[in-house]
C-alpha cells in the first residue's frame, strides 16, 4: 500500500469502507452491534455508516439488519472490464481448459487472502470443483491454497516476515497447515521449486498446482493454477508430470503480455 500524507487521509471514508468490508460469507447480515465489532467502531458510528450505505444503495435493510445489495458489483464489474490482468490472461485460461478439461485460474494476493481475478470455463466437466465454487472474485485463505503459498514465496523477505508476524492460521480441514513454522517450510519449498502443490487443505478431496505469473521485469503479478476435484490423479508425481509443464509454458507465453 502506497504511503500518503496524513492531511490527505479521509477518516470517514476509511470507516465507511471498513463497515462495507465487514460483510462476508460468514456474516451476510449485520446489525449495528455486529458491524461495530467487525469494523472496530462504536455502535453509533457503525449505525450511521450502515444507514448512509443503505441510502446510497450499497446495502439493503429490514430496519434492523443490513446486507449487501447488487450495487456493490459495480466495483468488481468495473475492475474486470478495465483491469489489464484479467483481460490479458483470459484467452490463455480458456485454451488451457479446452485442451485439458480442467479448471484454471489467475489469482492475486490481497492481504491474508487470495482473490480469483480470472478463471476458465470447464469444458465437458462439472462447473463446480469445490463446495465453495471457483467464481470470479472468490476469496480464499492464502495459507491454505497453492496460489497463496506461491505468492508468499515470491515476496521480498522483509514483506514476508511482516505478513507472517503474529498471524493465526485458521484450520479449514483436518490437514490444514496451522503452524507458522510449517508454513514457512512450505513457502521455502515453493520458492525453491518455483511451483506449489496444495492438497486437502482448503477442502478435502481438492488438489491445486500453481506457478507464478511474472512480467518482463521478472516481478510476479499473479499466480496461475489448475484445480482438481474428484477424479484427480492420486499420485502427486503424475499430477506434476502431466500439468506442471502446461502451467510453466502458459506462464512463459503470457510473460510478454503482463
C-alpha atoms as a PDB file:
ATOM      1  CA  UNK A   1       0.000   0.000   0.000  1.00  0.00           C
ATOM      2  CA  UNK A   2       1.404   3.388  -1.000  1.00  0.00           C
ATOM      3  CA  UNK A   3       2.232   5.853   1.754  1.00  0.00           C
ATOM      4  CA  UNK A   4       0.244   9.062   1.925  1.00  0.00           C
ATOM      5  CA  UNK A   5       0.329  12.294   3.870  1.00  0.00           C
ATOM      6  CA  UNK A   6      -1.859  12.402   6.978  1.00  0.00           C
ATOM      7  CA  UNK A   7      -3.574  15.546   5.702  1.00  0.00           C
ATOM      8  CA  UNK A   8      -4.750  13.638   2.624  1.00  0.00           C
ATOM      9  CA  UNK A   9      -6.307  10.775   4.590  1.00  0.00           C
ATOM     10  CA  UNK A  10     -10.118  10.783   4.873  1.00  0.00           C
ATOM     11  CA  UNK A  11     -11.056   9.020   8.090  1.00  0.00           C
ATOM     12  CA  UNK A  12     -14.753   8.942   7.257  1.00  0.00           C
ATOM     13  CA  UNK A  13     -14.163   7.027   4.042  1.00  0.00           C
ATOM     14  CA  UNK A  14     -11.852   4.631   5.860  1.00  0.00           C
ATOM     15  CA  UNK A  15     -14.572   3.845   8.421  1.00  0.00           C
ATOM     16  CA  UNK A  16     -17.258   3.513   5.774  1.00  0.00           C
ATOM     17  CA  UNK A  17     -15.180   1.038   3.790  1.00  0.00           C
ATOM     18  CA  UNK A  18     -14.433  -0.895   6.981  1.00  0.00           C
ATOM     19  CA  UNK A  19     -18.171  -1.286   7.559  1.00  0.00           C
ATOM     20  CA  UNK A  20     -18.750  -2.346   3.951  1.00  0.00           C
ATOM     21  CA  UNK A  21     -15.950  -4.920   4.203  1.00  0.00           C
ATOM     22  CA  UNK A  22     -17.496  -6.342   7.374  1.00  0.00           C
ATOM     23  CA  UNK A  23     -19.907  -8.343   5.255  1.00  0.00           C
ATOM     24  CA  UNK A  24     -18.566 -11.715   4.128  1.00  0.00           C
ATOM     25  CA  UNK A  25     -19.560 -15.338   3.672  1.00  0.00           C
ATOM     26  CA  UNK A  26     -19.597 -15.926   7.423  1.00  0.00           C
ATOM     27  CA  UNK A  27     -21.851 -12.954   8.127  1.00  0.00           C
ATOM     28  CA  UNK A  28     -24.090 -11.933   5.273  1.00  0.00           C
ATOM     29  CA  UNK A  29     -26.422  -9.902   7.512  1.00  0.00           C
ATOM     30  CA  UNK A  30     -25.242  -7.498  10.186  1.00  0.00           C
ATOM     31  CA  UNK A  31     -26.909  -5.166  12.634  1.00  0.00           C
ATOM     32  CA  UNK A  32     -25.210  -2.095  14.091  1.00  0.00           C
ATOM     33  CA  UNK A  33     -23.730  -4.025  17.021  1.00  0.00           C
ATOM     34  CA  UNK A  34     -22.165  -6.730  14.846  1.00  0.00           C
ATOM     35  CA  UNK A  35     -20.898  -4.232  12.283  1.00  0.00           C
ATOM     36  CA  UNK A  36     -19.313  -2.170  15.068  1.00  0.00           C
ATOM     37  CA  UNK A  37     -17.499  -5.223  16.409  1.00  0.00           C
ATOM     38  CA  UNK A  38     -16.242  -6.240  12.987  1.00  0.00           C
ATOM     39  CA  UNK A  39     -15.195  -2.759  11.857  1.00  0.00           C
ATOM     40  CA  UNK A  40     -13.722  -1.641  15.181  1.00  0.00           C
ATOM     41  CA  UNK A  41     -16.151   1.275  15.594  1.00  0.00           C
ATOM     42  CA  UNK A  42     -18.638   2.421  18.177  1.00  0.00           C
ATOM     43  CA  UNK A  43     -22.178   1.180  17.668  1.00  0.00           C
ATOM     44  CA  UNK A  44     -23.383   4.714  16.945  1.00  0.00           C
ATOM     45  CA  UNK A  45     -20.730   5.267  14.282  1.00  0.00           C
ATOM     46  CA  UNK A  46     -21.393   1.883  12.690  1.00  0.00           C
ATOM     47  CA  UNK A  47     -25.132   2.627  12.596  1.00  0.00           C
ATOM     48  CA  UNK A  48     -24.565   5.945  10.807  1.00  0.00           C
ATOM     49  CA  UNK A  49     -22.361   4.290   8.191  1.00  0.00           C
ATOM     50  CA  UNK A  50     -24.853   1.459   7.676  1.00  0.00           C
ATOM     51  CA  UNK A  51     -27.700   3.906   7.178  1.00  0.00           C
ATOM     52  CA  UNK A  52     -25.617   6.005   4.778  1.00  0.00           C
ATOM     53  CA  UNK A  53     -24.591   2.981   2.722  1.00  0.00           C
ATOM     54  CA  UNK A  54     -28.220   1.849   2.602  1.00  0.00           C
ATOM     55  CA  UNK A  55     -29.287   5.331   1.492  1.00  0.00           C
ATOM     56  CA  UNK A  56     -26.680   5.212  -1.299  1.00  0.00           C
ATOM     57  CA  UNK A  57     -27.967   1.823  -2.411  1.00  0.00           C
ATOM     58  CA  UNK A  58     -24.986  -0.335  -1.453  1.00  0.00           C
ATOM     59  CA  UNK A  59     -26.894  -2.071   1.352  1.00  0.00           C
ATOM     60  CA  UNK A  60     -30.423  -3.305   1.811  1.00  0.00           C
ATOM     61  CA  UNK A  61     -32.143  -3.394   5.202  1.00  0.00           C
ATOM     62  CA  UNK A  62     -35.240  -4.566   7.020  1.00  0.00           C
ATOM     63  CA  UNK A  63     -34.817  -1.835   9.615  1.00  0.00           C
ATOM     64  CA  UNK A  64     -32.663  -3.908  11.958  1.00  0.00           C
ATOM     65  CA  UNK A  65     -30.281  -5.919   9.819  1.00  0.00           C
ATOM     66  CA  UNK A  66     -28.341  -4.878   6.726  1.00  0.00           C
ATOM     67  CA  UNK A  67     -26.971  -6.874   3.795  1.00  0.00           C
ATOM     68  CA  UNK A  68     -25.110  -6.132   0.566  1.00  0.00           C
ATOM     69  CA  UNK A  69     -27.087  -5.083  -2.488  1.00  0.00           C
ATOM     70  CA  UNK A  70     -26.275  -5.827  -6.107  1.00  0.00           C
ATOM     71  CA  UNK A  71     -24.932  -2.285  -6.476  1.00  0.00           C
ATOM     72  CA  UNK A  72     -21.624  -3.313  -4.880  1.00  0.00           C
ATOM     73  CA  UNK A  73     -20.968  -5.374  -8.017  1.00  0.00           C
ATOM     74  CA  UNK A  74     -20.340  -2.120  -9.868  1.00  0.00           C
ATOM     75  CA  UNK A  75     -16.854  -2.107  -8.363  1.00  0.00           C
ATOM     76  CA  UNK A  76     -15.976  -5.659  -9.404  1.00  0.00           C
ATOM     77  CA  UNK A  77     -17.593  -5.201 -12.797  1.00  0.00           C
ATOM     78  CA  UNK A  78     -15.576  -2.080 -13.474  1.00  0.00           C
ATOM     79  CA  UNK A  79     -12.378  -3.828 -12.384  1.00  0.00           C
ATOM     80  CA  UNK A  80     -12.955  -6.872 -14.576  1.00  0.00           C
ATOM     81  CA  UNK A  81     -13.860  -4.700 -17.556  1.00  0.00           C
ATOM     82  CA  UNK A  82     -10.939  -2.309 -17.265  1.00  0.00           C
ATOM     83  CA  UNK A  83      -8.057  -4.038 -15.459  1.00  0.00           C
ATOM     84  CA  UNK A  84      -5.321  -5.326 -17.727  1.00  0.00           C
ATOM     85  CA  UNK A  85      -4.531  -8.605 -15.956  1.00  0.00           C
ATOM     86  CA  UNK A  86      -7.932 -10.341 -16.326  1.00  0.00           C
ATOM     87  CA  UNK A  87      -8.255  -9.320 -19.984  1.00  0.00           C
ATOM     88  CA  UNK A  88      -4.741 -10.491 -20.852  1.00  0.00           C
ATOM     89  CA  UNK A  89      -4.897 -13.921 -19.216  1.00  0.00           C
ATOM     90  CA  UNK A  90      -8.474 -14.917 -20.079  1.00  0.00           C
ATOM     91  CA  UNK A  91      -7.795 -16.278 -23.613  1.00  0.00           C
ATOM     92  CA  UNK A  92      -4.965 -18.475 -22.315  1.00  0.00           C
ATOM     93  CA  UNK A  93      -7.088 -19.804 -19.440  1.00  0.00           C
ATOM     94  CA  UNK A  94      -9.806 -20.757 -21.914  1.00  0.00           C
ATOM     95  CA  UNK A  95      -7.308 -22.504 -24.180  1.00  0.00           C
ATOM     96  CA  UNK A  96      -5.850 -24.468 -21.265  1.00  0.00           C
ATOM     97  CA  UNK A  97      -9.281 -25.598 -20.123  1.00  0.00           C
ATOM     98  CA  UNK A  98     -10.306 -26.656 -23.634  1.00  0.00           C
ATOM     99  CA  UNK A  99      -7.103 -28.682 -24.052  1.00  0.00           C
ATOM    100  CA  UNK A 100      -7.121 -30.421 -20.662  1.00  0.00           C
ATOM    101  CA  UNK A 101     -10.759 -30.432 -19.467  1.00  0.00           C
ATOM    102  CA  UNK A 102      -9.564 -28.893 -16.189  1.00  0.00           C
ATOM    103  CA  UNK A 103     -10.241 -25.573 -14.444  1.00  0.00           C
ATOM    104  CA  UNK A 104      -7.596 -22.825 -14.457  1.00  0.00           C
ATOM    105  CA  UNK A 105      -7.484 -19.532 -12.567  1.00  0.00           C
ATOM    106  CA  UNK A 106      -5.371 -16.392 -12.263  1.00  0.00           C
ATOM    107  CA  UNK A 107      -5.145 -15.229  -8.675  1.00  0.00           C
ATOM    108  CA  UNK A 108      -3.732 -12.231  -6.795  1.00  0.00           C
ATOM    109  CA  UNK A 109      -2.886 -11.743  -3.129  1.00  0.00           C
ATOM    110  CA  UNK A 110      -4.976  -9.309  -1.076  1.00  0.00           C
ATOM    111  CA  UNK A 111      -3.674  -9.138   2.493  1.00  0.00           C
ATOM    112  CA  UNK A 112      -4.407 -12.541   4.074  1.00  0.00           C
ATOM    113  CA  UNK A 113      -6.494 -13.874   1.181  1.00  0.00           C
ATOM    114  CA  UNK A 114      -6.119 -14.673  -2.485  1.00  0.00           C
ATOM    115  CA  UNK A 115      -8.698 -13.443  -4.973  1.00  0.00           C
ATOM    116  CA  UNK A 116      -9.632 -15.082  -8.285  1.00  0.00           C
ATOM    117  CA  UNK A 117      -9.471 -12.340 -10.930  1.00  0.00           C
ATOM    118  CA  UNK A 118      -9.851 -14.580 -13.989  1.00  0.00           C
ATOM    119  CA  UNK A 119     -10.918 -18.175 -14.482  1.00  0.00           C
ATOM    120  CA  UNK A 120     -11.644 -20.568 -17.304  1.00  0.00           C
ATOM    121  CA  UNK A 121     -14.758 -22.488 -18.044  1.00  0.00           C
ATOM    122  CA  UNK A 122     -14.515 -26.231 -17.504  1.00  0.00           C
ATOM    123  CA  UNK A 123     -15.305 -27.680 -20.897  1.00  0.00           C
ATOM    124  CA  UNK A 124     -17.045 -31.045 -20.687  1.00  0.00           C
ATOM    125  CA  UNK A 125     -16.642 -31.174 -16.889  1.00  0.00           C
ATOM    126  CA  UNK A 126     -18.767 -30.088 -13.907  1.00  0.00           C
ATOM    127  CA  UNK A 127     -18.587 -26.359 -13.290  1.00  0.00           C
ATOM    128  CA  UNK A 128     -18.112 -26.658  -9.531  1.00  0.00           C
ATOM    129  CA  UNK A 129     -14.871 -28.283  -8.467  1.00  0.00           C
ATOM    130  CA  UNK A 130     -15.187 -27.424  -4.787  1.00  0.00           C
ATOM    131  CA  UNK A 131     -18.077 -26.891  -2.422  1.00  0.00           C
ATOM    132  CA  UNK A 132     -17.305 -23.187  -2.342  1.00  0.00           C
ATOM    133  CA  UNK A 133     -17.145 -22.797  -6.103  1.00  0.00           C
ATOM    134  CA  UNK A 134     -14.409 -21.016  -8.012  1.00  0.00           C
ATOM    135  CA  UNK A 135     -16.247 -17.970  -9.251  1.00  0.00           C
ATOM    136  CA  UNK A 136     -14.652 -14.656 -10.154  1.00  0.00           C
ATOM    137  CA  UNK A 137     -13.951 -12.648  -7.035  1.00  0.00           C
ATOM    138  CA  UNK A 138     -13.881 -15.694  -4.757  1.00  0.00           C
ATOM    139  CA  UNK A 139     -11.612 -15.106  -1.787  1.00  0.00           C
ATOM    140  CA  UNK A 140      -9.680 -17.956  -0.192  1.00  0.00           C
ATOM    141  CA  UNK A 141      -7.241 -18.006   2.747  1.00  0.00           C
ATOM    142  CA  UNK A 142      -3.724 -17.618   1.392  1.00  0.00           C
ATOM    143  CA  UNK A 143      -2.062 -20.038   3.810  1.00  0.00           C
ATOM    144  CA  UNK A 144      -4.247 -22.962   2.685  1.00  0.00           C
ATOM    145  CA  UNK A 145      -4.019 -22.552  -1.091  1.00  0.00           C
ATOM    146  CA  UNK A 146      -1.436 -23.302  -3.744  1.00  0.00           C
ATOM    147  CA  UNK A 147      -1.668 -19.792  -5.193  1.00  0.00           C
ATOM    148  CA  UNK A 148      -1.423 -18.162  -1.786  1.00  0.00           C
ATOM    149  CA  UNK A 149       1.741 -20.009  -0.861  1.00  0.00           C
ATOM    150  CA  UNK A 150       3.202 -19.339  -4.299  1.00  0.00           C
ATOM    151  CA  UNK A 151       2.559 -15.605  -3.995  1.00  0.00           C
ATOM    152  CA  UNK A 152       4.003 -15.586  -0.474  1.00  0.00           C
ATOM    153  CA  UNK A 153       7.048 -17.421  -1.798  1.00  0.00           C
ATOM    154  CA  UNK A 154       7.828 -14.656  -4.306  1.00  0.00           C
ATOM    155  CA  UNK A 155       7.512 -11.892  -1.692  1.00  0.00           C
ATOM    156  CA  UNK A 156      10.535  -9.925  -0.586  1.00  0.00           C
ATOM    157  CA  UNK A 157      11.873 -11.407   2.691  1.00  0.00           C
ATOM    158  CA  UNK A 158      11.013  -8.298   4.726  1.00  0.00           C
ATOM    159  CA  UNK A 159       7.445  -8.252   3.414  1.00  0.00           C
ATOM    160  CA  UNK A 160       7.031 -11.977   4.097  1.00  0.00           C
ATOM    161  CA  UNK A 161       8.270 -11.619   7.672  1.00  0.00           C
ATOM    162  CA  UNK A 162       5.760  -8.823   8.193  1.00  0.00           C
ATOM    163  CA  UNK A 163       2.957 -10.959   6.712  1.00  0.00           C
ATOM    164  CA  UNK A 164       3.766 -13.896   8.983  1.00  0.00           C
ATOM    165  CA  UNK A 165       4.342 -11.904  12.179  1.00  0.00           C
ATOM    166  CA  UNK A 166       1.737 -12.673  14.823  1.00  0.00           C
ATOM    167  CA  UNK A 167      -0.566 -14.372  12.329  1.00  0.00           C
ATOM    168  CA  UNK A 168      -3.058 -17.067  13.306  1.00  0.00           C
ATOM    169  CA  UNK A 169      -3.677 -19.698  10.652  1.00  0.00           C
ATOM    170  CA  UNK A 170      -7.286 -20.877  10.583  1.00  0.00           C
ATOM    171  CA  UNK A 171      -7.974 -24.602  10.365  1.00  0.00           C
ATOM    172  CA  UNK A 172     -10.275 -25.397   7.433  1.00  0.00           C
ATOM    173  CA  UNK A 173      -9.815 -29.166   7.230  1.00  0.00           C
ATOM    174  CA  UNK A 174      -8.097 -31.824   9.303  1.00  0.00           C
ATOM    175  CA  UNK A 175      -4.947 -31.364   7.212  1.00  0.00           C
ATOM    176  CA  UNK A 176      -4.762 -27.558   7.038  1.00  0.00           C
ATOM    177  CA  UNK A 177      -1.378 -26.135   7.978  1.00  0.00           C
ATOM    178  CA  UNK A 178      -1.891 -24.156  11.192  1.00  0.00           C
ATOM    179  CA  UNK A 179       1.681 -23.772  12.479  1.00  0.00           C
ATOM    180  CA  UNK A 180       3.736 -20.836  11.239  1.00  0.00           C
ATOM    181  CA  UNK A 181       6.900 -22.946  11.242  1.00  0.00           C
ATOM    182  CA  UNK A 182       5.289 -25.478   8.903  1.00  0.00           C
ATOM    183  CA  UNK A 183       4.009 -22.719   6.618  1.00  0.00           C
ATOM    184  CA  UNK A 184       7.485 -21.197   6.467  1.00  0.00           C
ATOM    185  CA  UNK A 185       8.880 -24.536   5.283  1.00  0.00           C
ATOM    186  CA  UNK A 186       6.171 -24.868   2.653  1.00  0.00           C
ATOM    187  CA  UNK A 187       6.809 -21.342   1.404  1.00  0.00           C
ATOM    188  CA  UNK A 188      10.558 -22.001   1.260  1.00  0.00           C
ATOM    189  CA  UNK A 189       9.915 -25.168  -0.764  1.00  0.00           C
ATOM    190  CA  UNK A 190       7.657 -23.272  -3.177  1.00  0.00           C
ATOM    191  CA  UNK A 191      10.372 -20.627  -3.577  1.00  0.00           C
ATOM    192  CA  UNK A 192      12.998 -23.280  -4.395  1.00  0.00           C
ATOM    193  CA  UNK A 193      10.742 -25.135  -6.834  1.00  0.00           C
ATOM    194  CA  UNK A 194       9.036 -22.060  -8.319  1.00  0.00           C
ATOM    195  CA  UNK A 195       5.752 -24.008  -8.120  1.00  0.00           C
ATOM    196  CA  UNK A 196       3.454 -25.120  -5.332  1.00  0.00           C
ATOM    197  CA  UNK A 197       1.110 -28.065  -4.783  1.00  0.00           C
ATOM    198  CA  UNK A 198      -1.565 -27.945  -2.057  1.00  0.00           C
ATOM    199  CA  UNK A 199      -3.797 -30.888  -1.211  1.00  0.00           C
ATOM    200  CA  UNK A 200      -6.808 -31.265   1.123  1.00  0.00           C
ATOM    201  CA  UNK A 201      -6.038 -28.034   2.981  1.00  0.00           C
ATOM    202  CA  UNK A 202      -8.794 -25.698   1.911  1.00  0.00           C
ATOM    203  CA  UNK A 203     -11.225 -28.507   1.196  1.00  0.00           C
ATOM    204  CA  UNK A 204     -10.878 -32.272   1.462  1.00  0.00           C
ATOM    205  CA  UNK A 205     -10.597 -34.029  -1.873  1.00  0.00           C
ATOM    206  CA  UNK A 206      -9.239 -30.975  -3.679  1.00  0.00           C
ATOM    207  CA  UNK A 207      -5.712 -30.508  -5.042  1.00  0.00           C
ATOM    208  CA  UNK A 208      -4.280 -27.463  -6.766  1.00  0.00           C
ATOM    209  CA  UNK A 209      -0.985 -26.806  -8.545  1.00  0.00           C
ATOM    210  CA  UNK A 210       0.272 -23.234  -9.003  1.00  0.00           C
ATOM    211  CA  UNK A 211       3.105 -21.298 -10.659  1.00  0.00           C
ATOM    212  CA  UNK A 212       3.881 -17.558 -10.565  1.00  0.00           C
ATOM    213  CA  UNK A 213       2.887 -15.246 -13.410  1.00  0.00           C
ATOM    214  CA  UNK A 214       5.780 -12.832 -13.981  1.00  0.00           C
ATOM    215  CA  UNK A 215       6.079  -9.784 -16.187  1.00  0.00           C
ATOM    216  CA  UNK A 216       9.078  -8.908 -18.358  1.00  0.00           C
ATOM    217  CA  UNK A 217      10.794  -7.293 -15.379  1.00  0.00           C
ATOM    218  CA  UNK A 218      10.621 -10.596 -13.506  1.00  0.00           C
ATOM    219  CA  UNK A 219       8.065  -9.368 -10.963  1.00  0.00           C
ATOM    220  CA  UNK A 220       5.314 -11.816 -10.038  1.00  0.00           C
ATOM    221  CA  UNK A 221       1.986 -10.067 -10.619  1.00  0.00           C
ATOM    222  CA  UNK A 222      -0.286 -13.066 -10.009  1.00  0.00           C
ATOM    223  CA  UNK A 223      -0.319 -16.846  -9.790  1.00  0.00           C
ATOM    224  CA  UNK A 224      -1.728 -19.353 -12.259  1.00  0.00           C
ATOM    225  CA  UNK A 225      -3.207 -22.600 -11.004  1.00  0.00           C
ATOM    226  CA  UNK A 226      -5.110 -25.690 -12.027  1.00  0.00           C
ATOM    227  CA  UNK A 227      -7.585 -27.214  -9.561  1.00  0.00           C
ATOM    228  CA  UNK A 228      -8.536 -30.883  -9.322  1.00  0.00           C
ATOM    229  CA  UNK A 229     -11.526 -32.345  -7.543  1.00  0.00           C
ATOM    230  CA  UNK A 230     -12.826 -35.906  -7.673  1.00  0.00           C
ATOM    231  CA  UNK A 231     -11.065 -37.972 -10.308  1.00  0.00           C
ATOM    232  CA  UNK A 232      -7.739 -36.152  -9.980  1.00  0.00           C
ATOM    233  CA  UNK A 233      -4.572 -38.263 -10.288  1.00  0.00           C
ATOM    234  CA  UNK A 234      -3.972 -39.891  -6.919  1.00  0.00           C
ATOM    235  CA  UNK A 235      -0.223 -39.786  -7.448  1.00  0.00           C
ATOM    236  CA  UNK A 236       1.211 -36.300  -6.945  1.00  0.00           C
ATOM    237  CA  UNK A 237       4.214 -37.134  -9.098  1.00  0.00           C
ATOM    238  CA  UNK A 238       1.948 -37.997 -12.027  1.00  0.00           C
ATOM    239  CA  UNK A 239      -0.045 -34.809 -11.495  1.00  0.00           C
ATOM    240  CA  UNK A 240       3.118 -32.718 -11.572  1.00  0.00           C
ATOM    241  CA  UNK A 241       4.431 -34.566 -14.625  1.00  0.00           C
ATOM    242  CA  UNK A 242       1.202 -34.066 -16.552  1.00  0.00           C
ATOM    243  CA  UNK A 243       0.300 -30.492 -15.611  1.00  0.00           C
ATOM    244  CA  UNK A 244       3.370 -28.605 -14.368  1.00  0.00           C
ATOM    245  CA  UNK A 245       4.862 -28.242 -17.883  1.00  0.00           C
ATOM    246  CA  UNK A 246       1.479 -26.950 -19.098  1.00  0.00           C
ATOM    247  CA  UNK A 247       1.419 -24.257 -16.406  1.00  0.00           C
ATOM    248  CA  UNK A 248       5.056 -23.278 -16.897  1.00  0.00           C
ATOM    249  CA  UNK A 249       4.661 -22.938 -20.666  1.00  0.00           C
ATOM    250  CA  UNK A 250       1.472 -20.878 -20.269  1.00  0.00           C
ATOM    251  CA  UNK A 251       3.198 -18.587 -17.777  1.00  0.00           C
ATOM    252  CA  UNK A 252       6.145 -18.175 -20.174  1.00  0.00           C
ATOM    253  CA  UNK A 253       3.857 -17.275 -23.069  1.00  0.00           C
ATOM    254  CA  UNK A 254       1.934 -14.707 -21.025  1.00  0.00           C
ATOM    255  CA  UNK A 255       5.047 -13.018 -19.678  1.00  0.00           C
ATOM    256  CA  UNK A 256       5.359 -10.582 -22.582  1.00  0.00           C
ATOM    257  CA  UNK A 257       1.722  -9.560 -22.075  1.00  0.00           C
ATOM    258  CA  UNK A 258       1.996  -8.780 -18.380  1.00  0.00           C
END
